[in-house]
Amino acid sequence: MPRLILFNKPYDVLSQFTDRGAETARPTLSAFIDAPGVYPAGRLDRDSEGLLLLTDDGRLQARIADPRFKLPKTYLVQVEGAPDETALDRLRQGVRLKDGPTQPAMAEAIEPPALWPRDPPVRFRKSVPDHWIRLTIREGRNRQVRRMTAAVGLPTLRLVRWSVGGWSVEGLAPGEWREAPVPR
């Protein structure tokens, strides 16, 4: 029976089981997950937090990670500055990045979500306000969400992947994981 694991990846943890090439060891998935044979379905940058899916089924891994299947990925993004309708509309229409235009995203300003504290905390600056955006994309380019928010003048301070498809990180503390039913 295939396995599917939902993991709440903490900040500063690599989305792999071993750290190759670093002079000083960095935290990896092996510090949190003891489930032989499972591998990440997609990636989540070291400086991002939230839902990472792992499976031992290659077809399921491809269905989750491959952009051709267009699974929606929803992020809660703390940004520097105030997102006005112009910036949100640009995200909704797609943003031109150095590697080409993005597909349209769902974007809305939200109240600060009730999330776990980040370690280390996001820097606070009295002179620059910060706000939150819920952003849903169906692509998975390298650092795409950070590049999109920067392109509309809203640099990302904190990035939490909340859901992929129908799976969510809700109810999982950072570093916790649980098995989920495998879809047919």
Protein backbone atom coordinates (compact mmCIF):
# COMPACT_ATOMS: atom_id res chain seq x y z
CA MET A 1 0.00 0.00 0.00
CA PRO A 2 1.50 3.38 -0.97
CA ARG A 3 2.26 5.87 1.79
CA LEU A 4 1.59 9.60 1.81
CA ILE A 5 3.00 11.77 4.58
CA LEU A 6 2.04 15.36 5.33
CA PHE A 7 4.90 17.18 7.08
CA ASN A 8 5.02 20.69 8.50
CA LYS A 9 8.55 21.66 7.46
CA PRO A 10 10.09 24.15 9.88
CA TYR A 11 12.05 27.19 8.75
CA ASP A 12 15.73 26.48 7.98
CA VAL A 13 15.22 22.75 7.29
CA LEU A 14 16.28 21.30 3.92
CA SER A 15 13.65 19.41 1.89
CA GLN A 16 15.89 16.34 1.63
CA PHE A 17 17.12 13.58 3.91
CA THR A 18 20.86 14.29 3.61
CA ASP A 19 22.89 17.48 3.33
CA ARG A 20 25.44 17.17 0.57
CA GLY A 21 28.21 19.69 0.20
CA ALA A 22 27.77 21.98 3.17
CA GLU A 23 30.75 22.62 5.42
CA THR A 24 28.48 22.79 8.46
CA ALA A 25 25.62 20.36 8.80
CA ARG A 26 22.18 21.84 8.21
CA PRO A 27 18.94 20.30 9.49
CA THR A 28 17.30 17.86 7.07
CA LEU A 29 14.13 15.76 6.95
CA SER A 30 15.96 12.88 8.66
CA ALA A 31 15.85 14.83 11.95
CA PHE A 32 12.05 14.65 11.87
CA ILE A 33 10.84 11.72 9.75
CA ASP A 34 11.74 8.09 10.28
CA ALA A 35 9.82 6.50 7.41
CA PRO A 36 12.15 4.51 5.14
CA GLY A 37 11.47 4.67 1.41
CA VAL A 38 9.53 7.96 1.28
CA TYR A 39 10.77 10.94 -0.69
CA PRO A 40 9.55 14.53 -1.05
CA ALA A 41 7.00 15.18 -3.79
CA GLY A 42 8.28 18.61 -4.75
CA ARG A 43 10.45 21.02 -2.83
CA LEU A 44 10.07 23.74 -0.27
CA ASP A 45 12.97 26.17 0.10
CA ARG A 46 15.03 26.15 3.27
CA ASP A 47 13.74 29.61 4.21
CA SER A 48 10.09 28.60 3.67
CA GLU A 49 7.82 26.72 6.05
CA GLY A 50 4.75 24.58 5.88
CA LEU A 51 3.36 21.63 3.97
CA LEU A 52 5.74 19.19 2.36
CA LEU A 53 4.29 15.96 0.96
CA LEU A 54 6.33 12.76 0.95
CA THR A 55 5.47 9.43 -0.63
CA ASP A 56 6.97 6.09 -1.58
CA ASP A 57 4.89 5.93 -4.79
CA GLY A 58 6.60 7.32 -7.90
CA ARG A 59 3.37 7.91 -9.83
CA LEU A 60 1.81 9.78 -6.92
CA GLN A 61 5.02 11.77 -6.48
CA ALA A 62 4.84 12.84 -10.15
CA ARG A 63 1.13 13.69 -9.88
CA ILE A 64 1.83 15.96 -6.90
CA ALA A 65 5.02 17.62 -8.13
CA ASP A 66 4.68 17.83 -11.91
CA PRO A 67 3.29 21.21 -13.06
CA ARG A 68 1.40 19.43 -15.88
CA PHE A 69 -1.10 18.22 -13.28
CA LYS A 70 -1.58 21.81 -12.05
CA LEU A 71 -2.34 21.02 -8.41
CA PRO A 72 -3.08 24.30 -6.66
CA LYS A 73 -0.56 25.30 -4.01
CA THR A 74 -1.72 27.89 -1.48
CA TYR A 75 0.74 30.04 0.43
CA LEU A 76 0.30 32.46 3.31
CA VAL A 77 2.79 35.23 2.61
CA GLN A 78 3.87 37.97 4.97
CA VAL A 79 5.05 40.86 2.81
CA GLU A 80 6.81 44.13 3.43
CA GLY A 81 4.46 46.95 2.52
CA ALA A 82 0.71 47.16 1.97
CA PRO A 83 -0.84 45.16 -0.89
CA ASP A 84 -3.20 47.45 -2.80
CA GLU A 85 -5.63 46.30 -5.49
CA THR A 86 -3.15 47.20 -8.24
CA ALA A 87 -0.50 44.84 -6.85
CA LEU A 88 -3.06 42.08 -6.20
CA ASP A 89 -4.48 42.47 -9.73
CA ARG A 90 -0.98 42.10 -11.19
CA LEU A 91 -0.57 38.82 -9.27
CA ARG A 92 -4.02 37.69 -10.44
CA GLN A 93 -3.16 38.40 -14.07
CA GLY A 94 0.32 36.86 -13.97
CA VAL A 95 3.63 38.62 -13.42
CA ARG A 96 6.54 38.86 -15.84
CA LEU A 97 9.67 37.31 -14.30
CA LYS A 98 13.15 36.90 -15.81
CA ASP A 99 12.22 33.35 -16.88
CA GLY A 100 8.93 34.44 -18.45
CA PRO A 101 5.41 35.31 -17.36
CA THR A 102 3.71 33.40 -14.57
CA GLN A 103 0.26 31.95 -14.91
CA PRO A 104 -2.52 33.93 -13.24
CA ALA A 105 -2.70 33.39 -9.48
CA MET A 106 -5.45 33.74 -6.93
CA ALA A 107 -4.39 36.56 -4.61
CA GLU A 108 -6.10 38.29 -1.73
CA ALA A 109 -5.05 40.38 1.24
CA ILE A 110 -5.86 38.61 4.52
CA GLU A 111 -5.71 39.34 8.23
CA PRO A 112 -2.59 37.99 9.96
CA PRO A 113 -3.19 34.22 10.27
CA ALA A 114 -2.96 32.35 13.56
CA LEU A 115 0.33 30.59 12.86
CA TRP A 116 3.03 29.09 15.03
CA PRO A 117 5.89 31.45 15.92
CA ARG A 118 8.83 31.30 13.55
CA ASP A 119 12.31 30.59 14.90
CA PRO A 120 14.06 32.94 14.35
CA PRO A 121 11.30 35.54 14.25
CA VAL A 122 10.78 37.75 11.21
CA ARG A 123 12.54 41.08 11.67
CA PHE A 124 10.22 43.88 12.70
CA ARG A 125 10.69 47.44 11.44
CA LYS A 126 8.58 50.27 12.83
CA SER A 127 8.99 52.35 9.69
CA VAL A 128 7.83 49.67 7.22
CA PRO A 129 4.42 48.03 7.64
CA ASP A 130 3.89 44.37 6.87
CA HIS A 131 0.74 42.61 5.71
CA TRP A 132 -0.39 39.12 4.69
CA ILE A 133 -1.51 37.72 1.34
CA ARG A 134 -3.07 34.37 0.47
CA LEU A 135 -1.60 33.36 -2.89
CA THR A 136 -2.56 30.25 -4.86
CA ILE A 137 -0.48 29.18 -7.85
CA ARG A 138 -0.51 26.15 -10.14
CA GLU A 139 3.14 26.27 -11.14
CA GLY A 140 6.26 25.49 -9.18
CA ARG A 141 9.18 27.54 -10.42
CA ASN A 142 12.23 28.12 -8.28
CA ARG A 143 11.38 30.67 -5.55
CA GLN A 144 8.35 31.67 -7.61
CA VAL A 145 6.18 33.18 -4.86
CA ARG A 146 9.05 35.31 -3.53
CA ARG A 147 9.87 36.51 -7.04
CA MET A 148 6.21 37.28 -7.79
CA THR A 149 5.66 39.38 -4.66
CA ALA A 150 8.96 41.21 -5.23
CA ALA A 151 7.91 41.96 -8.83
CA VAL A 152 4.84 43.84 -7.54
CA GLY A 153 6.84 45.75 -4.90
CA LEU A 154 6.01 43.55 -1.92
CA PRO A 155 9.12 41.65 -0.77
CA THR A 156 8.36 38.42 1.09
CA LEU A 157 9.25 38.33 4.79
CA ARG A 158 7.72 34.95 5.67
CA LEU A 159 6.40 32.20 3.40
CA VAL A 160 4.20 29.34 4.63
CA ARG A 161 2.83 26.74 2.21
CA TRP A 162 -0.60 26.02 3.64
CA SER A 163 -1.94 23.47 1.18
CA VAL A 164 -1.28 21.42 -1.95
CA GLY A 165 -4.37 20.17 -3.75
CA GLY A 166 -6.74 18.93 -1.04
CA TRP A 167 -4.01 18.38 1.57
CA SER A 168 -3.34 20.97 4.25
CA VAL A 169 -0.84 21.57 7.05
CA GLU A 170 -3.67 22.55 9.38
CA GLY A 171 -3.34 20.91 12.79
CA LEU A 172 0.37 20.07 12.39
CA ALA A 173 2.94 21.90 14.49
CA PRO A 174 6.34 22.61 12.91
CA GLY A 175 8.31 19.35 12.70
CA GLU A 176 5.19 17.16 13.03
CA TRP A 177 3.92 14.75 10.39
CA ARG A 178 1.02 12.40 9.84
CA GLU A 179 0.01 9.82 7.28
CA ALA A 180 -2.83 10.67 4.91
CA PRO A 181 -5.03 8.45 2.77
CA VAL A 182 -3.61 7.95 -0.71
CA PRO A 183 -6.04 9.10 -3.42
CA ARG A 184 -7.12 6.57 -6.01
